[in-house]
Amino acid sequence: MGLEKTDYCSYMLRLWRDGAAAPWRASLEAPGRAATQMFPDLEALFDFLRAQTGDDQAADPATLDLQIGSSNQWENDQ
């Protein structure tokens, strides 16, 4: 995508998988740009975001509050 490092980034994120046993895939689209960046798995997405933000340290999974795929918090709140 070739975005410059900045203190603010905005993307439209899409997540999907091709079945319950398939890995999650992702795409990011930056507003005002025609290009869409595709990712074969979540780790590739996270690597890209770390590079864009200058945060090259991997997150410790034990400290994450969000468990992807466990439930949809928005649906539970309504």
N, C-alpha and C. Protein backbone atom coordinates (compact mmCIF):
# COMPACT_ATOMS: atom_id res chain seq x y z
N MET A 1 0.82 -1.19 0.00
CA MET A 1 0.00 0.00 0.00
C MET A 1 0.86 1.25 0.00
N GLY A 2 2.05 1.16 0.60
CA GLY A 2 2.99 2.25 0.55
C GLY A 2 2.59 3.47 1.35
N LEU A 3 1.89 3.31 2.44
CA LEU A 3 1.48 4.44 3.25
C LEU A 3 2.65 4.94 4.09
N GLU A 4 2.70 6.25 4.31
CA GLU A 4 3.73 6.82 5.15
C GLU A 4 3.36 6.61 6.61
N LYS A 5 4.39 6.46 7.47
CA LYS A 5 4.14 6.34 8.90
C LYS A 5 3.64 7.68 9.42
N THR A 6 2.63 7.62 10.26
CA THR A 6 2.00 8.81 10.79
C THR A 6 1.43 8.49 12.16
N ASP A 7 0.87 9.50 12.82
CA ASP A 7 0.24 9.28 14.11
C ASP A 7 -1.24 8.94 13.98
N TYR A 8 -1.74 8.82 12.77
CA TYR A 8 -3.14 8.48 12.56
C TYR A 8 -3.26 7.63 11.31
N CYS A 9 -3.98 6.54 11.40
CA CYS A 9 -4.25 5.67 10.25
C CYS A 9 -5.73 5.31 10.27
N SER A 10 -6.32 5.25 9.09
CA SER A 10 -7.72 4.88 8.98
C SER A 10 -7.87 3.87 7.86
N TYR A 11 -8.58 2.78 8.14
CA TYR A 11 -8.78 1.73 7.16
C TYR A 11 -10.20 1.17 7.29
N MET A 12 -10.71 0.65 6.17
CA MET A 12 -11.89 -0.18 6.23
C MET A 12 -11.37 -1.62 6.27
N LEU A 13 -11.75 -2.35 7.30
CA LEU A 13 -11.28 -3.71 7.52
C LEU A 13 -12.38 -4.70 7.17
N ARG A 14 -12.03 -5.73 6.42
CA ARG A 14 -12.94 -6.84 6.14
C ARG A 14 -12.27 -8.12 6.62
N LEU A 15 -13.03 -8.95 7.33
CA LEU A 15 -12.56 -10.25 7.80
C LEU A 15 -13.53 -11.32 7.31
N TRP A 16 -12.99 -12.46 6.88
CA TRP A 16 -13.83 -13.58 6.46
C TRP A 16 -13.01 -14.86 6.52
N ARG A 17 -13.72 -15.97 6.46
CA ARG A 17 -13.06 -17.27 6.31
C ARG A 17 -13.98 -18.16 5.50
N ASP A 18 -13.38 -19.16 4.89
CA ASP A 18 -14.10 -20.04 3.97
C ASP A 18 -14.53 -21.33 4.64
N GLY A 19 -15.00 -21.24 5.87
CA GLY A 19 -15.44 -22.40 6.64
C GLY A 19 -14.90 -22.34 8.05
N ALA A 20 -15.51 -23.10 8.94
CA ALA A 20 -15.15 -23.05 10.35
C ALA A 20 -13.70 -23.44 10.62
N ALA A 21 -13.12 -24.32 9.81
CA ALA A 21 -11.74 -24.76 10.03
C ALA A 21 -10.73 -23.93 9.25
N ALA A 22 -11.20 -23.04 8.39
CA ALA A 22 -10.31 -22.23 7.55
C ALA A 22 -9.75 -21.05 8.34
N PRO A 23 -8.57 -20.58 7.97
CA PRO A 23 -8.01 -19.42 8.66
C PRO A 23 -8.78 -18.15 8.30
N TRP A 24 -8.78 -17.20 9.22
CA TRP A 24 -9.36 -15.89 8.94
C TRP A 24 -8.49 -15.18 7.91
N ARG A 25 -9.10 -14.53 6.97
CA ARG A 25 -8.42 -13.70 5.98
C ARG A 25 -8.86 -12.27 6.21
N ALA A 26 -8.12 -11.33 5.64
CA ALA A 26 -8.45 -9.93 5.87
C ALA A 26 -8.09 -9.09 4.65
N SER A 27 -8.76 -7.96 4.56
CA SER A 27 -8.37 -6.94 3.59
C SER A 27 -8.51 -5.59 4.26
N LEU A 28 -7.64 -4.68 3.86
CA LEU A 28 -7.68 -3.30 4.34
C LEU A 28 -7.76 -2.38 3.14
N GLU A 29 -8.60 -1.37 3.27
CA GLU A 29 -8.70 -0.35 2.24
C GLU A 29 -8.57 1.01 2.93
N ALA A 30 -7.63 1.81 2.47
CA ALA A 30 -7.45 3.15 3.02
C ALA A 30 -8.39 4.10 2.30
N PRO A 31 -9.09 4.96 3.04
CA PRO A 31 -10.00 5.92 2.40
C PRO A 31 -9.26 6.79 1.38
N GLY A 32 -9.89 7.00 0.25
CA GLY A 32 -9.31 7.84 -0.78
C GLY A 32 -8.27 7.16 -1.65
N ARG A 33 -8.05 5.87 -1.44
CA ARG A 33 -7.08 5.12 -2.25
C ARG A 33 -7.82 3.99 -2.95
N ALA A 34 -7.45 3.72 -4.17
CA ALA A 34 -8.12 2.68 -4.94
C ALA A 34 -7.63 1.29 -4.59
N ALA A 35 -6.44 1.19 -4.00
CA ALA A 35 -5.83 -0.12 -3.74
C ALA A 35 -6.39 -0.76 -2.47
N THR A 36 -6.53 -2.06 -2.50
CA THR A 36 -6.91 -2.86 -1.34
C THR A 36 -5.77 -3.80 -1.03
N GLN A 37 -5.36 -3.84 0.23
CA GLN A 37 -4.29 -4.73 0.67
C GLN A 37 -4.94 -6.01 1.20
N MET A 38 -4.53 -7.15 0.68
CA MET A 38 -5.09 -8.44 1.08
C MET A 38 -4.11 -9.18 1.98
N PHE A 39 -4.65 -9.96 2.95
CA PHE A 39 -3.83 -10.70 3.89
C PHE A 39 -4.34 -12.14 3.98
N PRO A 40 -3.44 -13.13 3.87
CA PRO A 40 -3.86 -14.53 3.89
C PRO A 40 -4.25 -15.03 5.27
N ASP A 41 -3.82 -14.31 6.33
CA ASP A 41 -4.16 -14.70 7.69
C ASP A 41 -4.02 -13.49 8.61
N LEU A 42 -4.46 -13.64 9.85
CA LEU A 42 -4.44 -12.51 10.78
C LEU A 42 -3.03 -12.08 11.15
N GLU A 43 -2.11 -13.01 11.22
CA GLU A 43 -0.73 -12.65 11.57
C GLU A 43 -0.13 -11.72 10.52
N ALA A 44 -0.42 -11.96 9.24
CA ALA A 44 0.06 -11.08 8.18
C ALA A 44 -0.55 -9.69 8.32
N LEU A 45 -1.84 -9.62 8.67
CA LEU A 45 -2.50 -8.34 8.93
C LEU A 45 -1.82 -7.61 10.08
N PHE A 46 -1.57 -8.33 11.19
CA PHE A 46 -0.94 -7.71 12.36
C PHE A 46 0.47 -7.24 12.03
N ASP A 47 1.22 -8.02 11.25
CA ASP A 47 2.56 -7.61 10.84
C ASP A 47 2.51 -6.30 10.06
N PHE A 48 1.55 -6.19 9.14
CA PHE A 48 1.39 -4.97 8.36
C PHE A 48 1.08 -3.78 9.26
N LEU A 49 0.14 -3.97 10.19
CA LEU A 49 -0.24 -2.88 11.08
C LEU A 49 0.91 -2.47 11.99
N ARG A 50 1.68 -3.44 12.46
CA ARG A 50 2.86 -3.12 13.28
C ARG A 50 3.85 -2.29 12.47
N ALA A 51 4.06 -2.66 11.22
CA ALA A 51 4.99 -1.92 10.37
C ALA A 51 4.49 -0.50 10.10
N GLN A 52 3.18 -0.35 9.90
CA GLN A 52 2.61 0.97 9.63
C GLN A 52 2.68 1.89 10.84
N THR A 53 2.60 1.32 12.02
CA THR A 53 2.60 2.13 13.24
C THR A 53 3.96 2.23 13.89
N GLY A 54 4.94 1.49 13.37
CA GLY A 54 6.26 1.51 13.96
C GLY A 54 6.35 0.68 15.22
N ASP A 55 5.32 -0.13 15.49
CA ASP A 55 5.30 -0.99 16.67
C ASP A 55 5.69 -2.39 16.22
N ASP A 56 6.99 -2.66 16.22
CA ASP A 56 7.48 -3.94 15.72
C ASP A 56 7.48 -5.02 16.79
N GLN A 57 7.02 -4.72 17.99
CA GLN A 57 6.96 -5.72 19.05
C GLN A 57 5.66 -6.51 18.93
N ALA A 58 5.76 -7.81 18.98
CA ALA A 58 4.57 -8.66 18.92
C ALA A 58 3.79 -8.56 20.22
N ALA A 59 2.49 -8.57 20.10
CA ALA A 59 1.63 -8.52 21.28
C ALA A 59 1.65 -9.85 22.01
N ASP A 60 1.57 -9.80 23.32
CA ASP A 60 1.50 -11.00 24.15
C ASP A 60 0.05 -11.46 24.18
N PRO A 61 -0.28 -12.63 23.60
CA PRO A 61 -1.67 -13.09 23.56
C PRO A 61 -2.31 -13.17 24.94
N ALA A 62 -1.54 -13.37 25.99
CA ALA A 62 -2.10 -13.46 27.34
C ALA A 62 -2.66 -12.13 27.81
N THR A 63 -2.25 -11.03 27.19
CA THR A 63 -2.72 -9.71 27.63
C THR A 63 -3.88 -9.18 26.80
N LEU A 64 -4.26 -9.90 25.76
CA LEU A 64 -5.34 -9.43 24.89
C LEU A 64 -6.71 -9.73 25.52
N ASP A 65 -7.59 -8.74 25.52
CA ASP A 65 -8.94 -8.92 26.06
C ASP A 65 -9.88 -9.48 25.00
N LEU A 66 -9.60 -9.24 23.73
CA LEU A 66 -10.49 -9.64 22.65
C LEU A 66 -10.10 -11.02 22.15
N GLN A 67 -11.02 -11.94 22.15
CA GLN A 67 -10.80 -13.28 21.62
C GLN A 67 -11.54 -13.38 20.30
N ILE A 68 -10.82 -13.33 19.19
CA ILE A 68 -11.43 -13.35 17.87
C ILE A 68 -12.13 -14.69 17.66
N GLY A 69 -13.37 -14.61 17.21
CA GLY A 69 -14.12 -15.82 16.90
C GLY A 69 -14.89 -16.39 18.07
N SER A 70 -14.67 -15.90 19.30
CA SER A 70 -15.36 -16.48 20.45
C SER A 70 -16.80 -16.00 20.54
N SER A 71 -17.02 -14.72 20.29
CA SER A 71 -18.38 -14.18 20.28
C SER A 71 -18.34 -12.80 19.68
N ASN A 72 -19.48 -12.30 19.31
CA ASN A 72 -19.57 -10.95 18.77
C ASN A 72 -20.10 -10.05 19.89
N GLN A 73 -19.25 -9.23 20.47
CA GLN A 73 -19.62 -8.40 21.59
C GLN A 73 -20.78 -7.46 21.26
N TRP A 74 -20.79 -6.92 20.03
CA TRP A 74 -21.87 -6.01 19.66
C TRP A 74 -23.21 -6.72 19.66
N GLU A 75 -23.26 -7.94 19.17
CA GLU A 75 -24.52 -8.68 19.17
C GLU A 75 -24.95 -9.00 20.59
N ASN A 76 -24.01 -9.30 21.48
CA ASN A 76 -24.34 -9.63 22.87
C ASN A 76 -24.85 -8.42 23.64
N ASP A 77 -24.41 -7.22 23.26
CA ASP A 77 -24.82 -6.01 23.96
C ASP A 77 -26.22 -5.55 23.60
N GLN A 78 -26.74 -6.01 22.48
CA GLN A 78 -28.05 -5.50 22.02
C GLN A 78 -29.18 -6.34 22.52
